[in-house]
């Protein structure tokens, strides 16, 4: 066992001679900074959504009553498009709540809160990008109500949300799905 003690002692002295406290602090700092940067990396969150709005547990909420959902879904002035930035799917072969054929709805989204002029209630709108075909290039709208800087991605409309898709990263158009009525808390 004497030889094992000598080898361990020699190795320990070598490590102590070649490293310093500053080196150790530098390594710990790099590890902490690297760990803090991990949430900033892109994440693939595409999943098989199984129909509906393309959103787990959320069905597109539309009204058969035009008086309750006023406006033209093919116009940038449509009330649901208060925070949209992109081509409207209603001009590209889809509707304001569904993607055109040949594209898929991205489950990652940004949200906005828009006021419906029919009932003067604020609604939470999910803006989902449809991906898989080249850009539609029709009905470009850039409304930035409530847009935030890119570090708050869930409410920023300047990000290409198709990067999270499993099969395609090509942006085609954007939908506007009502998630629910916005409530105020005091």
N, C-alpha and C. Protein backbone atom coordinates (compact mmCIF):
# COMPACT_ATOMS: atom_id res chain seq x y z
N UNK A 1 0.81 -1.19 0.00
CA UNK A 1 0.00 0.00 0.00
C UNK A 1 0.86 1.26 0.00
N UNK A 2 2.11 1.10 0.31
CA UNK A 2 3.03 2.22 0.35
C UNK A 2 3.11 2.89 -1.01
N UNK A 3 3.15 2.12 -2.09
CA UNK A 3 3.24 2.67 -3.44
C UNK A 3 1.99 3.45 -3.82
N UNK A 4 0.82 3.04 -3.36
CA UNK A 4 -0.43 3.76 -3.64
C UNK A 4 -0.42 5.13 -2.95
N UNK A 5 0.09 5.16 -1.71
CA UNK A 5 0.19 6.43 -1.00
C UNK A 5 1.14 7.39 -1.72
N UNK A 6 2.26 6.88 -2.21
CA UNK A 6 3.23 7.72 -2.91
C UNK A 6 2.65 8.28 -4.23
N UNK A 7 1.93 7.46 -4.97
CA UNK A 7 1.32 7.90 -6.24
C UNK A 7 0.26 8.96 -5.96
N UNK A 8 -0.58 8.73 -4.94
CA UNK A 8 -1.62 9.69 -4.59
C UNK A 8 -1.02 11.00 -4.15
N UNK A 9 0.06 10.92 -3.31
CA UNK A 9 0.72 12.13 -2.85
C UNK A 9 1.34 12.91 -4.02
N UNK A 10 2.00 12.20 -4.92
CA UNK A 10 2.64 12.84 -6.07
C UNK A 10 1.59 13.52 -6.96
N UNK A 11 0.48 12.84 -7.21
CA UNK A 11 -0.60 13.41 -8.03
C UNK A 11 -1.20 14.65 -7.36
N UNK A 12 -1.46 14.58 -6.06
CA UNK A 12 -2.04 15.70 -5.33
C UNK A 12 -1.12 16.91 -5.36
N UNK A 13 0.19 16.70 -5.16
CA UNK A 13 1.15 17.80 -5.20
C UNK A 13 1.23 18.41 -6.60
N UNK A 14 1.15 17.56 -7.61
CA UNK A 14 1.20 18.06 -8.99
C UNK A 14 -0.02 18.94 -9.30
N UNK A 15 -1.21 18.51 -8.89
CA UNK A 15 -2.43 19.30 -9.09
C UNK A 15 -2.33 20.62 -8.34
N UNK A 16 -1.85 20.58 -7.09
CA UNK A 16 -1.72 21.80 -6.28
C UNK A 16 -0.72 22.77 -6.89
N UNK A 17 0.35 22.28 -7.48
CA UNK A 17 1.36 23.14 -8.09
C UNK A 17 0.88 23.76 -9.40
N UNK A 18 0.01 23.07 -10.12
CA UNK A 18 -0.41 23.53 -11.45
C UNK A 18 -1.72 24.30 -11.46
N UNK A 19 -2.42 24.35 -10.36
CA UNK A 19 -3.69 25.08 -10.30
C UNK A 19 -3.65 26.07 -9.14
N UNK A 20 -4.51 27.08 -9.25
CA UNK A 20 -4.59 28.09 -8.19
C UNK A 20 -6.05 28.29 -7.81
N UNK A 21 -6.24 29.10 -6.75
CA UNK A 21 -7.61 29.42 -6.35
C UNK A 21 -8.31 30.23 -7.45
N UNK A 22 -7.55 31.11 -8.10
CA UNK A 22 -8.14 31.89 -9.19
C UNK A 22 -8.60 30.98 -10.32
N UNK A 23 -7.80 29.98 -10.63
CA UNK A 23 -8.17 29.04 -11.69
C UNK A 23 -9.46 28.31 -11.30
N UNK A 24 -9.56 27.90 -10.04
CA UNK A 24 -10.75 27.21 -9.56
C UNK A 24 -11.97 28.13 -9.65
N UNK A 25 -11.80 29.40 -9.21
CA UNK A 25 -12.91 30.35 -9.28
C UNK A 25 -13.31 30.63 -10.73
N UNK A 26 -12.33 30.67 -11.62
CA UNK A 26 -12.62 30.87 -13.04
C UNK A 26 -13.45 29.71 -13.59
N UNK A 27 -13.08 28.51 -13.25
CA UNK A 27 -13.84 27.33 -13.70
C UNK A 27 -15.26 27.32 -13.16
N UNK A 28 -15.42 27.67 -11.89
CA UNK A 28 -16.76 27.71 -11.30
C UNK A 28 -17.60 28.80 -11.98
N UNK A 29 -16.99 29.97 -12.23
CA UNK A 29 -17.70 31.05 -12.91
C UNK A 29 -18.14 30.66 -14.31
N UNK A 30 -17.25 30.00 -15.06
CA UNK A 30 -17.60 29.55 -16.40
C UNK A 30 -18.74 28.54 -16.37
N UNK A 31 -18.72 27.66 -15.40
CA UNK A 31 -19.78 26.65 -15.26
C UNK A 31 -21.11 27.32 -14.96
N UNK A 32 -21.11 28.30 -14.04
CA UNK A 32 -22.35 28.99 -13.70
C UNK A 32 -22.88 29.80 -14.87
N UNK A 33 -21.99 30.52 -15.56
CA UNK A 33 -22.42 31.32 -16.72
C UNK A 33 -22.94 30.42 -17.84
N UNK A 34 -22.28 29.31 -18.07
CA UNK A 34 -22.73 28.36 -19.10
C UNK A 34 -24.08 27.76 -18.75
N UNK A 35 -24.29 27.46 -17.47
CA UNK A 35 -25.57 26.91 -17.03
C UNK A 35 -26.70 27.92 -17.17
N UNK A 36 -26.38 29.20 -16.95
CA UNK A 36 -27.40 30.24 -17.08
C UNK A 36 -27.77 30.48 -18.54
N UNK A 37 -26.87 30.16 -19.47
CA UNK A 37 -27.13 30.38 -20.89
C UNK A 37 -27.94 29.26 -21.53
N UNK A 38 -28.07 28.12 -20.87
CA UNK A 38 -28.77 26.97 -21.44
C UNK A 38 -30.22 27.30 -21.81
N UNK A 39 -31.00 28.05 -20.98
CA UNK A 39 -32.38 28.36 -21.38
C UNK A 39 -32.48 29.23 -22.62
N UNK A 40 -31.40 29.88 -23.03
CA UNK A 40 -31.44 30.74 -24.20
C UNK A 40 -31.27 29.97 -25.50
N UNK A 41 -30.88 28.71 -25.41
CA UNK A 41 -30.67 27.91 -26.61
C UNK A 41 -32.01 27.55 -27.25
N UNK A 42 -32.06 27.40 -28.59
CA UNK A 42 -33.32 27.02 -29.24
C UNK A 42 -33.73 25.61 -28.85
N UNK A 43 -35.03 25.43 -28.69
CA UNK A 43 -35.55 24.14 -28.26
C UNK A 43 -36.59 23.68 -29.26
N UNK A 44 -36.51 22.43 -29.68
CA UNK A 44 -37.53 21.87 -30.58
C UNK A 44 -38.70 21.43 -29.73
N UNK A 45 -39.85 22.09 -29.91
CA UNK A 45 -41.02 21.76 -29.11
C UNK A 45 -42.17 21.26 -29.97
N UNK A 46 -41.88 20.89 -31.20
CA UNK A 46 -42.94 20.41 -32.08
C UNK A 46 -43.44 19.07 -31.58
N UNK A 47 -44.72 18.85 -31.74
CA UNK A 47 -45.31 17.60 -31.28
C UNK A 47 -46.51 17.30 -32.16
N UNK A 48 -46.91 16.04 -32.16
CA UNK A 48 -48.11 15.66 -32.87
C UNK A 48 -49.30 16.16 -32.06
N UNK A 49 -50.03 17.10 -32.60
CA UNK A 49 -51.08 17.74 -31.83
C UNK A 49 -52.46 17.11 -32.01
N UNK A 50 -52.65 16.34 -33.01
CA UNK A 50 -53.88 15.59 -33.15
C UNK A 50 -55.13 16.40 -33.46
N UNK A 51 -55.05 17.39 -34.31
CA UNK A 51 -56.25 18.09 -34.76
C UNK A 51 -56.58 19.31 -33.94
N UNK A 52 -57.77 19.84 -34.15
CA UNK A 52 -58.18 21.04 -33.44
C UNK A 52 -57.40 22.24 -33.92
N UNK A 53 -57.00 23.06 -32.98
CA UNK A 53 -56.28 24.28 -33.32
C UNK A 53 -54.80 24.02 -33.52
N UNK A 54 -54.35 22.78 -33.29
CA UNK A 54 -52.93 22.51 -33.34
C UNK A 54 -52.29 22.81 -32.00
N UNK A 55 -53.11 23.05 -31.00
CA UNK A 55 -52.66 23.41 -29.67
C UNK A 55 -53.25 22.41 -28.72
N UNK A 56 -52.47 21.76 -27.89
CA UNK A 56 -52.99 20.76 -26.97
C UNK A 56 -54.05 21.36 -26.05
N UNK A 57 -55.23 20.82 -26.06
CA UNK A 57 -56.28 21.24 -25.16
C UNK A 57 -56.98 22.53 -25.51
N UNK A 58 -56.66 23.13 -26.65
CA UNK A 58 -57.28 24.40 -27.02
C UNK A 58 -57.94 24.24 -28.39
N UNK A 59 -59.23 24.42 -28.44
CA UNK A 59 -59.96 24.37 -29.71
C UNK A 59 -60.13 25.79 -30.21
N UNK A 60 -60.04 25.98 -31.53
CA UNK A 60 -60.27 27.33 -32.04
C UNK A 60 -61.68 27.78 -31.70
N UNK A 61 -61.81 28.98 -31.18
CA UNK A 61 -63.10 29.50 -30.79
C UNK A 61 -63.58 30.46 -31.85
N UNK A 62 -64.53 30.04 -32.61
CA UNK A 62 -65.11 30.89 -33.64
C UNK A 62 -66.59 31.02 -33.36
N UNK A 63 -67.18 31.99 -33.95
CA UNK A 63 -68.60 32.21 -33.75
C UNK A 63 -69.31 32.14 -35.09
N UNK A 64 -70.44 31.46 -35.12
CA UNK A 64 -71.25 31.43 -36.33
C UNK A 64 -72.03 32.73 -36.47
N UNK A 65 -72.02 33.54 -35.44
CA UNK A 65 -72.73 34.80 -35.44
C UNK A 65 -71.77 35.91 -35.85
N UNK A 66 -71.88 36.46 -37.07
CA UNK A 66 -70.97 37.52 -37.52
C UNK A 66 -71.01 38.76 -36.64
N UNK A 67 -72.13 38.99 -35.95
CA UNK A 67 -72.22 40.16 -35.08
C UNK A 67 -71.29 40.02 -33.87
N UNK A 68 -71.03 38.79 -33.43
CA UNK A 68 -70.15 38.55 -32.28
C UNK A 68 -68.68 38.53 -32.67
N UNK A 69 -68.40 38.38 -33.95
CA UNK A 69 -67.02 38.33 -34.43
C UNK A 69 -66.92 39.23 -35.67
N UNK A 70 -67.03 40.58 -35.46
CA UNK A 70 -67.13 41.49 -36.61
C UNK A 70 -65.80 41.69 -37.32
N UNK A 71 -65.89 41.99 -38.59
CA UNK A 71 -64.70 42.32 -39.37
C UNK A 71 -64.38 41.29 -40.42
N UNK A 72 -63.45 41.64 -41.27
CA UNK A 72 -63.02 40.79 -42.37
C UNK A 72 -61.70 40.11 -42.00
N UNK A 73 -61.67 38.78 -41.83
CA UNK A 73 -60.44 38.09 -41.47
C UNK A 73 -59.33 38.20 -42.52
N UNK A 74 -59.63 38.72 -43.70
CA UNK A 74 -58.61 38.92 -44.73
C UNK A 74 -58.08 40.35 -44.73
N UNK A 75 -58.39 41.12 -43.69
CA UNK A 75 -57.95 42.51 -43.59
C UNK A 75 -57.12 42.70 -42.33
N UNK A 76 -56.08 43.51 -42.42
CA UNK A 76 -55.24 43.80 -41.26
C UNK A 76 -56.00 44.52 -40.16
N UNK A 77 -57.15 45.12 -40.48
CA UNK A 77 -57.95 45.84 -39.50
C UNK A 77 -58.86 44.92 -38.68
N UNK A 78 -58.89 43.63 -38.99
CA UNK A 78 -59.70 42.67 -38.23
C UNK A 78 -59.25 42.71 -36.77
N UNK A 79 -60.19 42.72 -35.84
CA UNK A 79 -59.89 42.98 -34.44
C UNK A 79 -58.92 41.96 -33.84
N UNK A 80 -58.90 40.72 -34.30
CA UNK A 80 -58.00 39.71 -33.74
C UNK A 80 -56.53 39.96 -34.11
N UNK A 81 -56.29 40.78 -35.10
CA UNK A 81 -54.93 40.97 -35.59
C UNK A 81 -54.21 42.16 -34.94
N UNK A 82 -54.57 42.53 -33.72
CA UNK A 82 -53.97 43.71 -33.10
C UNK A 82 -52.48 43.52 -32.82
N UNK A 83 -51.99 42.29 -32.73
CA UNK A 83 -50.57 42.06 -32.44
C UNK A 83 -49.93 41.11 -33.45
N UNK A 84 -50.51 40.99 -34.64
CA UNK A 84 -49.98 40.06 -35.64
C UNK A 84 -48.83 40.70 -36.41
N UNK A 85 -47.89 39.87 -36.81
CA UNK A 85 -46.79 40.30 -37.66
C UNK A 85 -46.52 39.17 -38.64
N UNK A 86 -47.01 39.30 -39.84
CA UNK A 86 -46.81 38.26 -40.84
C UNK A 86 -47.91 38.25 -41.87
N UNK A 87 -47.91 37.21 -42.69
CA UNK A 87 -48.92 37.05 -43.73
C UNK A 87 -50.14 36.36 -43.13
N UNK A 88 -51.33 36.82 -43.49
CA UNK A 88 -52.56 36.27 -42.94
C UNK A 88 -52.93 34.96 -43.63
N UNK A 89 -53.18 33.92 -42.86
CA UNK A 89 -53.57 32.64 -43.45
C UNK A 89 -54.91 32.73 -44.18
N UNK A 90 -55.76 33.66 -43.77
CA UNK A 90 -57.05 33.82 -44.45
C UNK A 90 -56.88 34.33 -45.88
N UNK A 91 -55.71 34.84 -46.23
CA UNK A 91 -55.42 35.26 -47.61
C UNK A 91 -54.59 34.21 -48.35
N UNK A 92 -54.21 33.15 -47.67
CA UNK A 92 -53.25 32.19 -48.22
C UNK A 92 -53.82 30.79 -48.38
N UNK A 93 -55.13 30.65 -48.36
CA UNK A 93 -55.74 29.34 -48.55
C UNK A 93 -56.24 28.70 -47.27
N UNK A 94 -56.02 29.33 -46.14
CA UNK A 94 -56.53 28.84 -44.87
C UNK A 94 -57.57 29.80 -44.33
N UNK A 95 -57.76 29.81 -43.03
CA UNK A 95 -58.65 30.76 -42.39
C UNK A 95 -57.88 31.44 -41.26
N UNK A 96 -58.57 32.30 -40.53
CA UNK A 96 -57.91 32.97 -39.41
C UNK A 96 -57.66 32.01 -38.24
N UNK A 97 -58.21 30.79 -38.28
CA UNK A 97 -57.99 29.81 -37.21
C UNK A 97 -57.41 28.49 -37.71
N UNK A 98 -57.17 28.35 -39.02
CA UNK A 98 -56.62 27.09 -39.54
C UNK A 98 -55.59 27.37 -40.62
N UNK A 99 -54.65 26.43 -40.73
CA UNK A 99 -53.57 26.56 -41.71
C UNK A 99 -54.03 26.12 -43.09
N UNK A 100 -53.41 26.65 -44.14
CA UNK A 100 -53.71 26.19 -45.49
C UNK A 100 -53.24 24.74 -45.68
N UNK A 101 -53.81 24.03 -46.64
CA UNK A 101 -53.36 22.67 -46.93
C UNK A 101 -51.87 22.65 -47.27
N UNK A 102 -51.19 21.64 -46.78
CA UNK A 102 -49.76 21.49 -47.05
C UNK A 102 -48.87 22.16 -46.03
N UNK A 103 -49.48 22.81 -45.03
CA UNK A 103 -48.70 23.43 -43.96
C UNK A 103 -49.12 22.84 -42.62
N UNK A 104 -48.33 23.05 -41.62
CA UNK A 104 -48.66 22.57 -40.28
C UNK A 104 -48.58 23.72 -39.28
N UNK A 105 -49.44 23.66 -38.27
CA UNK A 105 -49.46 24.71 -37.26
C UNK A 105 -48.40 24.44 -36.21
N UNK A 106 -47.61 25.44 -35.96
CA UNK A 106 -46.56 25.34 -34.95
C UNK A 106 -47.19 25.45 -33.56
N UNK A 107 -46.87 24.53 -32.64
CA UNK A 107 -47.44 24.62 -31.30
C UNK A 107 -46.82 25.74 -30.45
N UNK A 108 -45.65 26.24 -30.85
CA UNK A 108 -45.07 27.39 -30.14
C UNK A 108 -45.74 28.65 -30.68
N UNK A 109 -45.97 29.63 -29.83
CA UNK A 109 -46.81 30.75 -30.21
C UNK A 109 -46.41 32.01 -29.47
N UNK A 110 -46.87 33.14 -29.96
CA UNK A 110 -46.83 34.35 -29.16
C UNK A 110 -48.26 34.77 -28.94
N UNK A 111 -48.50 35.54 -27.89
CA UNK A 111 -49.87 35.90 -27.54
C UNK A 111 -50.03 37.41 -27.52
N UNK A 112 -51.27 37.82 -27.67
CA UNK A 112 -51.64 39.22 -27.58
C UNK A 112 -53.02 39.32 -26.96
N UNK A 113 -53.38 40.51 -26.55
CA UNK A 113 -54.71 40.76 -25.99
C UNK A 113 -55.37 41.83 -26.84
N UNK A 114 -56.49 41.45 -27.47
CA UNK A 114 -57.19 42.36 -28.39
C UNK A 114 -58.63 42.58 -27.92
N UNK A 115 -59.14 43.77 -28.16
CA UNK A 115 -60.50 44.10 -27.77
C UNK A 115 -61.47 43.84 -28.92
N UNK A 116 -62.50 43.05 -28.65
CA UNK A 116 -63.54 42.76 -29.62
C UNK A 116 -64.54 43.93 -29.60
N UNK A 117 -64.70 44.62 -30.73
CA UNK A 117 -65.62 45.78 -30.73
C UNK A 117 -67.08 45.39 -30.55
N UNK A 118 -67.43 44.13 -30.75
CA UNK A 118 -68.83 43.72 -30.62
C UNK A 118 -69.28 43.70 -29.16
N UNK A 119 -68.41 43.28 -28.25
CA UNK A 119 -68.80 43.18 -26.85
C UNK A 119 -67.88 43.99 -25.91
N UNK A 120 -66.88 44.68 -26.47
CA UNK A 120 -65.92 45.48 -25.72
C UNK A 120 -65.17 44.68 -24.65
N UNK A 121 -65.00 43.38 -24.87
CA UNK A 121 -64.20 42.55 -23.98
C UNK A 121 -62.83 42.32 -24.60
N UNK A 122 -61.83 42.18 -23.74
CA UNK A 122 -60.49 41.84 -24.21
C UNK A 122 -60.36 40.32 -24.26
N UNK A 123 -59.78 39.83 -25.36
CA UNK A 123 -59.58 38.40 -25.55
C UNK A 123 -58.09 38.10 -25.70
N UNK A 124 -57.68 36.96 -25.16
CA UNK A 124 -56.31 36.50 -25.33
C UNK A 124 -56.24 35.77 -26.66
N UNK A 125 -55.37 36.26 -27.53
CA UNK A 125 -55.24 35.70 -28.88
C UNK A 125 -53.90 34.99 -29.00
N UNK A 126 -53.94 33.78 -29.50
CA UNK A 126 -52.73 33.01 -29.77
C UNK A 126 -52.41 33.14 -31.26
N UNK A 127 -51.23 33.65 -31.56
CA UNK A 127 -50.80 33.78 -32.95
C UNK A 127 -49.88 32.61 -33.27
N UNK A 128 -50.41 31.66 -34.04
CA UNK A 128 -49.65 30.47 -34.42
C UNK A 128 -49.21 30.59 -35.86
N UNK A 129 -47.94 30.33 -36.11
CA UNK A 129 -47.42 30.33 -37.47
C UNK A 129 -47.70 28.99 -38.13
N UNK A 130 -48.06 29.02 -39.39
CA UNK A 130 -48.21 27.82 -40.20
C UNK A 130 -46.92 27.66 -41.01
N UNK A 131 -46.36 26.48 -40.97
CA UNK A 131 -45.03 26.25 -41.54
C UNK A 131 -45.07 25.10 -42.54
N UNK A 132 -44.12 25.12 -43.46
CA UNK A 132 -43.98 23.99 -44.37
C UNK A 132 -43.96 24.35 -45.84
N UNK A 133 -44.40 25.54 -46.20
CA UNK A 133 -44.36 26.02 -47.57
C UNK A 133 -43.60 27.34 -47.57
N UNK A 134 -43.22 27.79 -48.74
CA UNK A 134 -42.58 29.10 -48.83
C UNK A 134 -43.57 30.18 -48.41
N UNK A 135 -43.06 31.35 -48.08
CA UNK A 135 -43.91 32.44 -47.60
C UNK A 135 -45.04 32.74 -48.58
N UNK A 136 -46.20 32.99 -48.03
CA UNK A 136 -47.40 33.26 -48.82
C UNK A 136 -47.27 34.57 -49.59
N UNK A 137 -46.69 35.58 -48.97
CA UNK A 137 -46.46 36.90 -49.58
C UNK A 137 -47.75 37.64 -49.94
N UNK A 138 -48.84 37.34 -49.24
CA UNK A 138 -50.09 38.08 -49.43
C UNK A 138 -50.62 38.54 -48.08
N UNK A 139 -51.21 39.71 -48.04
CA UNK A 139 -51.81 40.27 -46.83
C UNK A 139 -50.80 40.36 -45.68
N UNK A 140 -49.72 41.07 -45.91
CA UNK A 140 -48.73 41.28 -44.85
C UNK A 140 -49.25 42.32 -43.87
N UNK A 141 -49.30 41.93 -42.60
CA UNK A 141 -49.73 42.84 -41.54
C UNK A 141 -48.62 42.93 -40.50
N UNK A 142 -48.40 44.13 -40.00
CA UNK A 142 -47.40 44.33 -38.95
C UNK A 142 -48.00 45.23 -37.89
N UNK A 143 -48.79 44.62 -37.02
CA UNK A 143 -49.41 45.34 -35.91
C UNK A 143 -48.64 44.97 -34.65
N UNK A 144 -48.22 45.94 -33.90
CA UNK A 144 -47.33 45.68 -32.77
C UNK A 144 -47.92 46.08 -31.42
N UNK A 145 -49.22 45.95 -31.24
CA UNK A 145 -49.83 46.28 -29.96
C UNK A 145 -49.33 45.28 -28.92
N UNK A 146 -48.69 45.76 -27.89
CA UNK A 146 -48.22 44.89 -26.81
C UNK A 146 -46.96 44.11 -27.14
N UNK A 147 -46.31 44.40 -28.25
CA UNK A 147 -45.08 43.70 -28.61
C UNK A 147 -44.00 44.02 -27.58
N UNK A 148 -43.24 43.00 -27.20
CA UNK A 148 -42.18 43.18 -26.20
C UNK A 148 -40.84 42.84 -26.82
N UNK A 149 -39.74 43.18 -26.14
CA UNK A 149 -38.42 42.85 -26.67
C UNK A 149 -38.25 41.34 -26.82
N UNK A 150 -37.29 40.91 -27.68
CA UNK A 150 -37.14 39.47 -27.95
C UNK A 150 -36.80 38.61 -26.73
N UNK A 151 -36.31 39.21 -25.64
CA UNK A 151 -36.02 38.37 -24.48
C UNK A 151 -37.29 37.94 -23.76
N UNK A 152 -38.45 38.51 -24.11
CA UNK A 152 -39.74 38.01 -23.64
C UNK A 152 -40.44 37.41 -24.85
N UNK A 153 -39.94 36.29 -25.31
CA UNK A 153 -40.33 35.72 -26.60
C UNK A 153 -41.81 35.43 -26.73
N UNK A 154 -42.49 35.02 -25.65
CA UNK A 154 -43.89 34.63 -25.76
C UNK A 154 -44.79 35.78 -26.16
N UNK A 155 -44.33 37.02 -26.03
CA UNK A 155 -45.15 38.14 -26.47
C UNK A 155 -44.38 39.02 -27.47
N UNK A 156 -43.48 38.40 -28.22
CA UNK A 156 -42.74 39.11 -29.26
C UNK A 156 -43.12 38.52 -30.61
N UNK A 157 -43.48 39.37 -31.57
CA UNK A 157 -43.96 38.86 -32.85
C UNK A 157 -42.90 38.89 -33.94
N UNK A 158 -41.64 39.20 -33.61
CA UNK A 158 -40.60 39.28 -34.64
C UNK A 158 -39.78 38.01 -34.77
N UNK A 159 -40.12 36.99 -34.05
CA UNK A 159 -39.35 35.74 -34.05
C UNK A 159 -39.93 34.78 -35.08
N UNK A 160 -39.06 34.06 -35.79
CA UNK A 160 -39.54 33.00 -36.69
C UNK A 160 -39.87 31.80 -35.82
N UNK A 161 -41.15 31.63 -35.53
CA UNK A 161 -41.57 30.57 -34.62
C UNK A 161 -41.49 29.20 -35.25
N UNK A 162 -41.27 29.10 -36.55
CA UNK A 162 -41.20 27.80 -37.22
C UNK A 162 -39.93 27.04 -36.89
N UNK A 163 -38.96 27.67 -36.24
CA UNK A 163 -37.73 26.95 -35.92
C UNK A 163 -37.99 25.79 -34.97
N UNK A 164 -39.12 25.77 -34.30
CA UNK A 164 -39.44 24.68 -33.38
C UNK A 164 -40.15 23.51 -34.04
N UNK A 165 -40.43 23.62 -35.32
CA UNK A 165 -41.14 22.55 -36.01
C UNK A 165 -40.21 21.38 -36.30
N UNK A 166 -40.74 20.20 -36.20
CA UNK A 166 -39.96 19.00 -36.42
C UNK A 166 -39.65 18.80 -37.90
N UNK A 167 -40.62 19.04 -38.78
CA UNK A 167 -40.45 18.74 -40.19
C UNK A 167 -40.06 19.93 -41.06
N UNK A 168 -40.33 21.15 -40.60
CA UNK A 168 -40.08 22.28 -41.46
C UNK A 168 -39.82 23.53 -40.64
N UNK A 169 -38.90 24.34 -41.12
CA UNK A 169 -38.63 25.62 -40.48
C UNK A 169 -39.01 26.78 -41.39
N UNK A 170 -39.75 26.50 -42.44
CA UNK A 170 -40.13 27.53 -43.42
C UNK A 170 -41.46 28.15 -43.00
N UNK A 171 -41.48 29.47 -42.85
CA UNK A 171 -42.69 30.20 -42.46
C UNK A 171 -43.59 30.43 -43.67
N UNK A 172 -44.91 30.22 -43.48
CA UNK A 172 -45.88 30.46 -44.56
C UNK A 172 -46.85 31.59 -44.20
N UNK A 173 -47.58 31.46 -43.08
CA UNK A 173 -48.56 32.47 -42.70
C UNK A 173 -48.88 32.34 -41.21
N UNK A 174 -49.76 33.21 -40.70
CA UNK A 174 -50.08 33.25 -39.27
C UNK A 174 -51.59 33.21 -39.06
N UNK A 175 -52.01 32.46 -38.02
CA UNK A 175 -53.41 32.39 -37.61
C UNK A 175 -53.62 33.22 -36.35
N UNK A 176 -54.87 33.44 -35.97
CA UNK A 176 -55.21 34.18 -34.76
C UNK A 176 -56.34 33.44 -34.04
N UNK A 177 -55.98 32.68 -33.03
CA UNK A 177 -56.94 31.81 -32.33
C UNK A 177 -57.26 32.41 -30.96
N UNK A 178 -58.55 32.50 -30.65
CA UNK A 178 -58.96 33.01 -29.34
C UNK A 178 -58.73 31.92 -28.30
N UNK A 179 -57.97 32.26 -27.25
CA UNK A 179 -57.74 31.31 -26.15
C UNK A 179 -58.77 31.49 -25.05
N UNK A 180 -59.26 32.71 -24.88
CA UNK A 180 -60.24 32.97 -23.84
C UNK A 180 -60.38 34.45 -23.58
N UNK A 181 -61.26 34.79 -22.65
CA UNK A 181 -61.46 36.18 -22.27
C UNK A 181 -60.39 36.57 -21.27
N UNK A 182 -59.78 37.73 -21.49
CA UNK A 182 -58.77 38.23 -20.56
C UNK A 182 -59.48 38.82 -19.35
N UNK A 183 -59.02 38.46 -18.17
CA UNK A 183 -59.60 39.00 -16.95
C UNK A 183 -58.58 39.89 -16.27
N UNK A 184 -59.07 40.91 -15.61
CA UNK A 184 -58.20 41.81 -14.87
C UNK A 184 -58.14 41.37 -13.42
N UNK A 185 -56.94 41.42 -12.86
CA UNK A 185 -56.80 41.13 -11.43
C UNK A 185 -56.27 42.37 -10.74
N UNK A 186 -56.82 42.69 -9.61
CA UNK A 186 -56.39 43.88 -8.86
C UNK A 186 -55.68 43.48 -7.61
